[in-house]
């Protein structure tokens, strides 16, 4: 079976980015014991990532690079916010520069921000995705391609390699 909308895909991958000097840097991987499993075409993955996997089948190997624009976007220099330090004192946990912290906006959307600075009154955070501005280099192998179950289609996500993972 070839990868197409409403199929469940299990795959391995290694993700690298490149430094400004052109060196490849390892970011993360999914191996055969703990593969990435997703419902293809459900909008959960980067669109260009899925585009590169279209029509592949079990056992196929792949390798491709996504530009920053096709990945997590370019860095937005305006995506920096200063938060009152009281927010963190009240929560009882002070972050450190370099930490990635969970935040929520006024609409209830959850996201992560990198702490770039701390003073006596503010905590400065960068709201850009940690992979923004970086090309993404993927390589891996397709392990499983199967039709999604009706339950998976109704839920909008895969329930594991075999379709029977618990919730």
N, C-alpha and C. Protein backbone atom coordinates (compact mmCIF):
# COMPACT_ATOMS: atom_id res chain seq x y z
N UNK A 1 0.85 -1.18 0.00
CA UNK A 1 0.00 0.00 0.00
C UNK A 1 0.89 1.24 0.00
N UNK A 2 0.55 2.19 -0.86
CA UNK A 2 1.31 3.43 -0.92
C UNK A 2 0.73 4.46 0.05
N UNK A 3 1.58 5.36 0.53
CA UNK A 3 1.13 6.42 1.42
C UNK A 3 0.19 7.34 0.66
N UNK A 4 -0.98 7.56 1.24
CA UNK A 4 -1.98 8.45 0.66
C UNK A 4 -2.85 8.97 1.80
N UNK A 5 -3.69 9.98 1.54
CA UNK A 5 -4.54 10.51 2.61
C UNK A 5 -5.33 9.38 3.29
N UNK A 6 -5.47 9.52 4.61
CA UNK A 6 -6.18 8.57 5.46
C UNK A 6 -5.48 7.23 5.62
N UNK A 7 -4.16 7.22 5.37
CA UNK A 7 -3.39 6.03 5.72
C UNK A 7 -2.57 6.35 6.96
N UNK A 8 -2.33 5.32 7.76
CA UNK A 8 -1.49 5.46 8.93
C UNK A 8 -0.08 5.07 8.51
N UNK A 9 0.87 5.90 8.88
CA UNK A 9 2.27 5.69 8.51
C UNK A 9 3.10 5.55 9.78
N UNK A 10 3.97 4.56 9.81
CA UNK A 10 4.97 4.43 10.86
C UNK A 10 6.32 4.49 10.17
N UNK A 11 7.19 5.34 10.67
CA UNK A 11 8.49 5.51 10.02
C UNK A 11 9.58 5.83 11.03
N UNK A 12 10.80 5.59 10.59
CA UNK A 12 11.96 6.05 11.35
C UNK A 12 12.43 7.35 10.70
N UNK A 13 13.12 8.15 11.46
CA UNK A 13 13.74 9.33 10.87
C UNK A 13 14.91 9.79 11.71
N UNK A 14 15.81 10.46 11.06
CA UNK A 14 16.84 11.25 11.72
C UNK A 14 16.66 12.66 11.20
N UNK A 15 16.65 13.62 12.11
CA UNK A 15 16.50 15.02 11.74
C UNK A 15 17.80 15.75 12.05
N UNK A 16 18.31 16.45 11.04
CA UNK A 16 19.48 17.31 11.20
C UNK A 16 19.12 18.71 10.74
N UNK A 17 19.83 19.69 11.25
CA UNK A 17 19.77 21.05 10.71
C UNK A 17 21.19 21.42 10.31
N UNK A 18 21.35 22.60 9.77
CA UNK A 18 22.69 23.06 9.43
C UNK A 18 22.99 24.35 10.18
N UNK A 19 24.23 24.50 10.56
CA UNK A 19 24.68 25.74 11.20
C UNK A 19 24.88 26.79 10.11
N UNK A 20 25.00 28.05 10.50
CA UNK A 20 25.30 29.09 9.49
C UNK A 20 26.57 28.79 8.70
N UNK A 21 27.49 28.00 9.29
CA UNK A 21 28.73 27.63 8.61
C UNK A 21 28.55 26.43 7.68
N UNK A 22 27.35 25.84 7.67
CA UNK A 22 27.08 24.73 6.78
C UNK A 22 27.29 23.35 7.38
N UNK A 23 27.62 23.28 8.66
CA UNK A 23 27.82 21.99 9.32
C UNK A 23 26.46 21.38 9.67
N UNK A 24 26.31 20.06 9.47
CA UNK A 24 25.07 19.40 9.88
C UNK A 24 25.11 19.12 11.38
N UNK A 25 23.96 19.36 12.03
CA UNK A 25 23.83 19.15 13.47
C UNK A 25 22.65 18.21 13.71
N UNK A 26 22.90 17.12 14.45
CA UNK A 26 21.85 16.16 14.79
C UNK A 26 20.86 16.81 15.75
N UNK A 27 19.55 16.61 15.50
CA UNK A 27 18.52 17.16 16.37
C UNK A 27 17.80 16.06 17.14
N UNK A 28 17.22 15.09 16.41
CA UNK A 28 16.47 14.02 17.07
C UNK A 28 16.24 12.89 16.09
N UNK A 29 15.75 11.76 16.62
CA UNK A 29 15.44 10.64 15.75
C UNK A 29 14.31 9.81 16.33
N UNK A 30 13.70 9.02 15.46
CA UNK A 30 12.74 8.00 15.85
C UNK A 30 13.26 6.70 15.24
N UNK A 31 13.39 5.65 16.08
CA UNK A 31 13.95 4.39 15.58
C UNK A 31 12.85 3.34 15.42
N UNK A 32 13.23 2.14 15.03
CA UNK A 32 12.24 1.08 14.79
C UNK A 32 11.52 0.67 16.06
N UNK A 33 12.16 0.77 17.21
CA UNK A 33 11.52 0.42 18.48
C UNK A 33 10.52 1.48 18.91
N UNK A 34 10.73 2.72 18.49
CA UNK A 34 9.85 3.82 18.87
C UNK A 34 9.65 4.73 17.66
N UNK A 35 8.92 4.23 16.64
CA UNK A 35 8.77 5.00 15.41
C UNK A 35 7.81 6.17 15.55
N UNK A 36 7.86 7.08 14.60
CA UNK A 36 6.87 8.14 14.47
C UNK A 36 5.67 7.52 13.77
N UNK A 37 4.50 7.60 14.37
CA UNK A 37 3.27 7.04 13.80
C UNK A 37 2.27 8.18 13.67
N UNK A 38 1.70 8.37 12.48
CA UNK A 38 0.76 9.46 12.29
C UNK A 38 -0.26 9.14 11.20
N UNK A 39 -1.37 9.86 11.25
CA UNK A 39 -2.41 9.75 10.24
C UNK A 39 -2.06 10.72 9.13
N UNK A 40 -1.74 10.18 7.97
CA UNK A 40 -1.30 10.99 6.84
C UNK A 40 -2.47 11.84 6.33
N UNK A 41 -2.20 13.13 6.13
CA UNK A 41 -3.21 14.03 5.57
C UNK A 41 -4.14 14.65 6.61
N UNK A 42 -3.89 14.40 7.89
CA UNK A 42 -4.78 14.92 8.94
C UNK A 42 -4.36 16.32 9.40
N UNK A 43 -3.27 16.84 8.84
CA UNK A 43 -2.84 18.19 9.22
C UNK A 43 -1.99 18.26 10.46
N UNK A 44 -1.52 17.11 10.95
CA UNK A 44 -0.70 17.10 12.16
C UNK A 44 0.79 17.27 11.86
N UNK A 45 1.19 17.01 10.64
CA UNK A 45 2.60 17.08 10.26
C UNK A 45 2.82 18.29 9.36
N UNK A 46 4.09 18.69 9.21
CA UNK A 46 4.40 19.78 8.28
C UNK A 46 3.94 19.38 6.88
N UNK A 47 3.20 20.23 6.19
CA UNK A 47 2.69 19.86 4.86
C UNK A 47 3.77 19.39 3.89
N UNK A 48 4.91 20.08 3.85
CA UNK A 48 5.97 19.68 2.92
C UNK A 48 6.63 18.37 3.33
N UNK A 49 6.62 18.05 4.62
CA UNK A 49 7.13 16.76 5.09
C UNK A 49 6.26 15.66 4.47
N UNK A 50 4.94 15.81 4.60
CA UNK A 50 4.02 14.82 4.03
C UNK A 50 4.15 14.75 2.51
N UNK A 51 4.31 15.90 1.87
CA UNK A 51 4.43 15.93 0.41
C UNK A 51 5.59 15.05 -0.07
N UNK A 52 6.69 15.08 0.66
CA UNK A 52 7.86 14.28 0.28
C UNK A 52 7.64 12.78 0.49
N UNK A 53 6.68 12.42 1.33
CA UNK A 53 6.42 11.01 1.61
C UNK A 53 5.32 10.42 0.72
N UNK A 54 4.62 11.27 -0.02
CA UNK A 54 3.49 10.80 -0.84
C UNK A 54 3.90 9.65 -1.74
N UNK A 55 3.09 8.62 -1.76
CA UNK A 55 3.23 7.45 -2.62
C UNK A 55 4.38 6.51 -2.26
N UNK A 56 5.11 6.78 -1.18
CA UNK A 56 6.11 5.81 -0.74
C UNK A 56 5.38 4.61 -0.14
N UNK A 57 6.08 3.49 0.01
CA UNK A 57 5.46 2.29 0.56
C UNK A 57 6.39 1.65 1.59
N UNK A 58 5.86 0.66 2.28
CA UNK A 58 6.61 -0.06 3.30
C UNK A 58 7.97 -0.49 2.76
N UNK A 59 9.02 -0.20 3.53
CA UNK A 59 10.37 -0.59 3.14
C UNK A 59 11.13 0.48 2.37
N UNK A 60 10.43 1.49 1.86
CA UNK A 60 11.11 2.56 1.11
C UNK A 60 11.94 3.41 2.07
N UNK A 61 13.09 3.84 1.58
CA UNK A 61 13.91 4.79 2.33
C UNK A 61 13.74 6.16 1.70
N UNK A 62 13.92 7.19 2.50
CA UNK A 62 13.73 8.55 1.99
C UNK A 62 14.78 9.47 2.59
N UNK A 63 15.02 10.56 1.91
CA UNK A 63 15.94 11.60 2.38
C UNK A 63 15.57 12.88 1.65
N UNK A 64 15.34 13.94 2.40
CA UNK A 64 15.01 15.23 1.78
C UNK A 64 15.29 16.37 2.75
N UNK A 65 15.34 17.56 2.20
CA UNK A 65 15.59 18.76 3.00
C UNK A 65 14.45 19.74 2.80
N UNK A 66 13.97 20.29 3.90
CA UNK A 66 12.94 21.33 3.85
C UNK A 66 13.60 22.67 4.18
N UNK A 67 13.27 23.68 3.42
CA UNK A 67 13.76 25.03 3.73
C UNK A 67 13.08 25.50 5.01
N UNK A 68 13.64 26.51 5.64
CA UNK A 68 13.03 27.07 6.85
C UNK A 68 11.59 27.49 6.58
N UNK A 69 11.36 28.06 5.40
CA UNK A 69 10.01 28.52 5.04
C UNK A 69 9.03 27.35 5.01
N UNK A 70 9.48 26.19 4.52
CA UNK A 70 8.61 25.01 4.46
C UNK A 70 8.59 24.23 5.77
N UNK A 71 9.46 24.59 6.70
CA UNK A 71 9.51 23.93 8.01
C UNK A 71 8.72 24.75 9.02
N UNK A 72 9.44 25.38 9.93
CA UNK A 72 8.79 26.14 10.99
C UNK A 72 8.86 27.65 10.78
N UNK A 73 9.15 28.05 9.54
CA UNK A 73 9.15 29.47 9.20
C UNK A 73 10.46 30.15 9.50
N UNK A 74 10.57 31.35 8.97
CA UNK A 74 11.74 32.18 9.25
C UNK A 74 11.62 32.76 10.66
N UNK A 75 12.73 33.21 11.19
CA UNK A 75 12.71 33.82 12.52
C UNK A 75 12.02 35.19 12.42
N UNK A 76 11.08 35.42 13.31
CA UNK A 76 10.38 36.70 13.39
C UNK A 76 11.07 37.51 14.48
N UNK A 77 11.83 38.56 14.07
CA UNK A 77 12.56 39.33 15.09
C UNK A 77 11.63 40.04 16.07
N UNK A 78 10.36 40.19 15.71
CA UNK A 78 9.41 40.85 16.60
C UNK A 78 8.74 39.90 17.58
N UNK A 79 9.07 38.62 17.51
CA UNK A 79 8.41 37.64 18.37
C UNK A 79 9.12 37.48 19.71
N UNK A 80 9.34 38.61 20.35
CA UNK A 80 9.96 38.62 21.67
C UNK A 80 9.02 39.38 22.61
N UNK A 81 8.88 38.87 23.82
CA UNK A 81 7.97 39.48 24.77
C UNK A 81 8.67 39.55 26.13
N UNK A 82 8.41 40.63 26.84
CA UNK A 82 8.87 40.76 28.21
C UNK A 82 7.69 40.48 29.13
N UNK A 83 7.84 39.49 30.00
CA UNK A 83 6.78 39.11 30.93
C UNK A 83 7.15 39.59 32.33
N UNK A 84 6.16 40.01 33.11
CA UNK A 84 6.46 40.45 34.49
C UNK A 84 6.98 39.28 35.32
N UNK A 85 8.02 39.54 36.06
CA UNK A 85 8.65 38.47 36.84
C UNK A 85 7.69 37.91 37.89
N UNK A 86 6.68 38.68 38.28
CA UNK A 86 5.70 38.22 39.26
C UNK A 86 4.97 36.95 38.77
N UNK A 87 4.78 36.85 37.43
CA UNK A 87 4.13 35.65 36.88
C UNK A 87 4.84 34.38 37.35
N UNK A 88 6.14 34.46 37.42
CA UNK A 88 6.94 33.28 37.76
C UNK A 88 7.10 33.14 39.27
N UNK A 89 7.21 34.28 39.96
CA UNK A 89 7.31 34.23 41.43
C UNK A 89 6.03 33.66 42.00
N UNK A 90 4.88 34.07 41.45
CA UNK A 90 3.59 33.56 41.93
C UNK A 90 3.47 32.06 41.70
N UNK A 91 4.02 31.59 40.58
CA UNK A 91 3.97 30.15 40.26
C UNK A 91 4.98 29.38 41.11
N UNK A 92 5.92 30.09 41.70
CA UNK A 92 6.88 29.44 42.59
C UNK A 92 8.06 28.80 41.88
N UNK A 93 8.21 29.05 40.58
CA UNK A 93 9.33 28.43 39.86
C UNK A 93 9.93 29.44 38.90
N UNK A 94 11.16 29.84 39.19
CA UNK A 94 11.85 30.81 38.34
C UNK A 94 12.60 30.08 37.22
N UNK A 95 12.38 30.51 35.97
CA UNK A 95 13.13 29.89 34.87
C UNK A 95 14.55 30.44 34.82
N UNK A 96 15.38 29.78 34.03
CA UNK A 96 16.74 30.24 33.79
C UNK A 96 16.88 30.58 32.31
N UNK A 97 17.84 31.44 31.99
CA UNK A 97 18.12 31.75 30.59
C UNK A 97 18.46 30.45 29.88
N UNK A 98 17.84 30.24 28.72
CA UNK A 98 18.04 29.01 27.95
C UNK A 98 16.93 27.99 28.14
N UNK A 99 16.15 28.13 29.21
CA UNK A 99 15.02 27.21 29.43
C UNK A 99 13.96 27.43 28.36
N UNK A 100 13.23 26.37 28.05
CA UNK A 100 12.05 26.46 27.20
C UNK A 100 10.86 26.24 28.14
N UNK A 101 9.97 27.24 28.17
CA UNK A 101 8.87 27.20 29.13
C UNK A 101 7.53 27.14 28.42
N UNK A 102 6.55 26.46 29.04
CA UNK A 102 5.20 26.43 28.46
C UNK A 102 4.46 27.72 28.80
N UNK A 103 3.77 28.27 27.81
CA UNK A 103 2.95 29.47 28.01
C UNK A 103 1.58 29.25 27.40
N UNK A 104 0.65 30.14 27.75
CA UNK A 104 -0.69 30.10 27.19
C UNK A 104 -1.11 31.53 26.89
N UNK A 105 -1.70 31.75 25.69
CA UNK A 105 -2.15 33.10 25.36
C UNK A 105 -3.59 33.33 25.85
N UNK A 106 -4.10 34.53 25.59
CA UNK A 106 -5.44 34.90 26.07
C UNK A 106 -6.55 34.05 25.46
N UNK A 107 -6.27 33.40 24.30
CA UNK A 107 -7.27 32.55 23.66
C UNK A 107 -7.15 31.08 24.12
N UNK A 108 -6.24 30.82 25.05
CA UNK A 108 -6.09 29.46 25.56
C UNK A 108 -5.16 28.58 24.74
N UNK A 109 -4.48 29.16 23.74
CA UNK A 109 -3.54 28.38 22.93
C UNK A 109 -2.26 28.15 23.72
N UNK A 110 -1.78 26.91 23.72
CA UNK A 110 -0.54 26.56 24.41
C UNK A 110 0.62 26.61 23.43
N UNK A 111 1.77 27.09 23.89
CA UNK A 111 2.97 27.12 23.07
C UNK A 111 4.17 27.17 23.99
N UNK A 112 5.34 27.05 23.39
CA UNK A 112 6.58 27.06 24.17
C UNK A 112 7.41 28.27 23.77
N UNK A 113 8.13 28.81 24.74
CA UNK A 113 8.96 29.98 24.47
C UNK A 113 10.32 29.77 25.13
N UNK A 114 11.35 30.29 24.48
CA UNK A 114 12.69 30.20 25.03
C UNK A 114 13.03 31.43 25.85
N UNK A 115 13.55 31.23 27.04
CA UNK A 115 13.92 32.34 27.92
C UNK A 115 15.25 32.93 27.44
N UNK A 116 15.23 34.23 27.10
CA UNK A 116 16.43 34.88 26.58
C UNK A 116 17.09 35.83 27.57
N UNK A 117 16.36 36.22 28.61
CA UNK A 117 16.94 37.14 29.58
C UNK A 117 16.06 37.25 30.81
N UNK A 118 16.70 37.58 31.95
CA UNK A 118 15.97 37.76 33.21
C UNK A 118 16.57 38.97 33.91
N UNK A 119 15.68 39.85 34.36
CA UNK A 119 16.14 40.99 35.16
C UNK A 119 15.37 40.97 36.48
N UNK A 120 15.48 42.04 37.26
CA UNK A 120 14.77 42.08 38.55
C UNK A 120 13.27 42.19 38.36
N UNK A 121 12.82 42.66 37.17
CA UNK A 121 11.38 42.89 36.99
C UNK A 121 10.75 42.11 35.84
N UNK A 122 11.58 41.62 34.90
CA UNK A 122 11.00 40.95 33.72
C UNK A 122 11.74 39.65 33.37
N UNK A 123 11.00 38.80 32.67
CA UNK A 123 11.58 37.61 32.03
C UNK A 123 11.34 37.79 30.54
N UNK A 124 12.42 37.88 29.76
CA UNK A 124 12.30 38.06 28.31
C UNK A 124 12.25 36.69 27.65
N UNK A 125 11.28 36.52 26.72
CA UNK A 125 11.15 35.24 26.03
C UNK A 125 11.08 35.45 24.53
N UNK A 126 11.55 34.43 23.81
CA UNK A 126 11.50 34.39 22.35
C UNK A 126 10.38 33.43 21.98
N UNK A 127 9.38 33.92 21.25
CA UNK A 127 8.22 33.12 20.89
C UNK A 127 8.40 32.34 19.60
N UNK A 128 9.54 32.51 18.92
CA UNK A 128 9.80 31.74 17.71
C UNK A 128 9.91 30.26 18.07
N UNK A 129 9.46 29.38 17.16
CA UNK A 129 9.66 27.95 17.33
C UNK A 129 11.16 27.70 17.39
N UNK A 130 11.62 26.76 18.24
CA UNK A 130 13.07 26.51 18.33
C UNK A 130 13.71 26.14 17.00
N UNK A 131 12.94 25.63 16.05
CA UNK A 131 13.48 25.25 14.75
C UNK A 131 13.22 26.31 13.68
N UNK A 132 12.68 27.46 14.08
CA UNK A 132 12.44 28.54 13.11
C UNK A 132 13.78 29.00 12.53
N UNK A 133 13.76 29.33 11.25
CA UNK A 133 14.96 29.83 10.59
C UNK A 133 15.95 28.75 10.20
N UNK A 134 15.60 27.49 10.42
CA UNK A 134 16.52 26.40 10.12
C UNK A 134 15.97 25.48 9.03
N UNK A 135 16.85 25.06 8.14
CA UNK A 135 16.48 24.02 7.19
C UNK A 135 16.43 22.70 7.96
N UNK A 136 15.51 21.83 7.58
CA UNK A 136 15.33 20.54 8.23
C UNK A 136 15.71 19.43 7.26
N UNK A 137 16.64 18.59 7.65
CA UNK A 137 17.12 17.51 6.80
C UNK A 137 16.63 16.19 7.41
N UNK A 138 15.74 15.51 6.70
CA UNK A 138 15.17 14.25 7.17
C UNK A 138 15.71 13.08 6.36
N UNK A 139 15.94 11.97 7.04
CA UNK A 139 16.30 10.71 6.37
C UNK A 139 15.74 9.58 7.22
N UNK A 140 15.18 8.57 6.56
CA UNK A 140 14.64 7.46 7.32
C UNK A 140 14.05 6.39 6.43
N UNK A 141 13.19 5.58 7.03
CA UNK A 141 12.62 4.43 6.33
C UNK A 141 11.15 4.28 6.72
N UNK A 142 10.32 3.94 5.74
CA UNK A 142 8.91 3.68 5.98
C UNK A 142 8.79 2.26 6.53
N UNK A 143 8.22 2.11 7.71
CA UNK A 143 8.08 0.79 8.34
C UNK A 143 6.73 0.15 8.06
N UNK A 144 5.65 0.95 8.16
CA UNK A 144 4.30 0.43 8.00
C UNK A 144 3.46 1.47 7.28
N UNK A 145 2.63 1.01 6.35
CA UNK A 145 1.59 1.84 5.74
C UNK A 145 0.34 0.99 5.75
N UNK A 146 -0.72 1.50 6.38
CA UNK A 146 -1.97 0.75 6.43
C UNK A 146 -3.13 1.73 6.36
N UNK A 147 -4.30 1.21 6.02
CA UNK A 147 -5.50 2.04 6.02
C UNK A 147 -5.86 2.39 7.46
N UNK A 148 -6.28 3.63 7.67
CA UNK A 148 -6.71 4.04 9.00
C UNK A 148 -8.02 3.35 9.34
N UNK A 149 -8.21 3.06 10.62
CA UNK A 149 -9.48 2.50 11.07
C UNK A 149 -10.52 3.61 11.11
N UNK A 150 -11.78 3.22 11.16
CA UNK A 150 -12.86 4.22 11.24
C UNK A 150 -12.70 5.08 12.49
N UNK A 151 -12.30 4.44 13.60
CA UNK A 151 -12.11 5.18 14.85
C UNK A 151 -10.99 6.21 14.71
N UNK A 152 -9.88 5.82 14.06
CA UNK A 152 -8.78 6.76 13.86
C UNK A 152 -9.23 7.94 13.01
N UNK A 153 -10.00 7.66 11.96
CA UNK A 153 -10.49 8.75 11.11
C UNK A 153 -11.41 9.67 11.89
N UNK A 154 -12.27 9.11 12.73
CA UNK A 154 -13.17 9.92 13.55
C UNK A 154 -12.40 10.77 14.56
N UNK A 155 -11.33 10.21 15.12
CA UNK A 155 -10.53 10.93 16.11
C UNK A 155 -9.53 11.88 15.47
N UNK A 156 -9.19 11.66 14.20
CA UNK A 156 -8.26 12.53 13.50
C UNK A 156 -6.80 12.28 13.80
N UNK A 157 -6.48 11.09 14.37
CA UNK A 157 -5.09 10.75 14.64
C UNK A 157 -4.92 9.24 14.69
N UNK A 158 -3.68 8.80 14.52
CA UNK A 158 -3.36 7.37 14.54
C UNK A 158 -3.41 6.84 15.97
N UNK A 159 -3.77 5.58 16.12
CA UNK A 159 -3.79 4.91 17.43
C UNK A 159 -2.68 3.90 17.54
N UNK A 160 -1.53 4.23 17.01
CA UNK A 160 -0.38 3.33 17.11
C UNK A 160 -0.16 2.55 15.83
N UNK A 161 0.95 1.83 15.82
CA UNK A 161 1.35 1.08 14.63
C UNK A 161 0.24 0.13 14.18
N UNK A 162 -0.39 -0.56 15.15
CA UNK A 162 -1.40 -1.56 14.80
C UNK A 162 -2.83 -1.04 14.87
N UNK A 163 -3.02 0.22 15.29
CA UNK A 163 -4.36 0.81 15.35
C UNK A 163 -5.09 0.49 16.63
N UNK A 164 -4.41 -0.14 17.59
CA UNK A 164 -5.10 -0.55 18.82
C UNK A 164 -4.42 -0.02 20.07
N UNK A 165 -3.66 1.05 19.95
CA UNK A 165 -2.98 1.61 21.13
C UNK A 165 -4.02 2.18 22.08
N UNK A 166 -3.80 2.03 23.37
CA UNK A 166 -4.72 2.56 24.38
C UNK A 166 -4.63 4.06 24.47
N UNK A 167 -5.64 4.63 25.11
CA UNK A 167 -5.67 6.10 25.27
C UNK A 167 -5.23 6.46 26.66
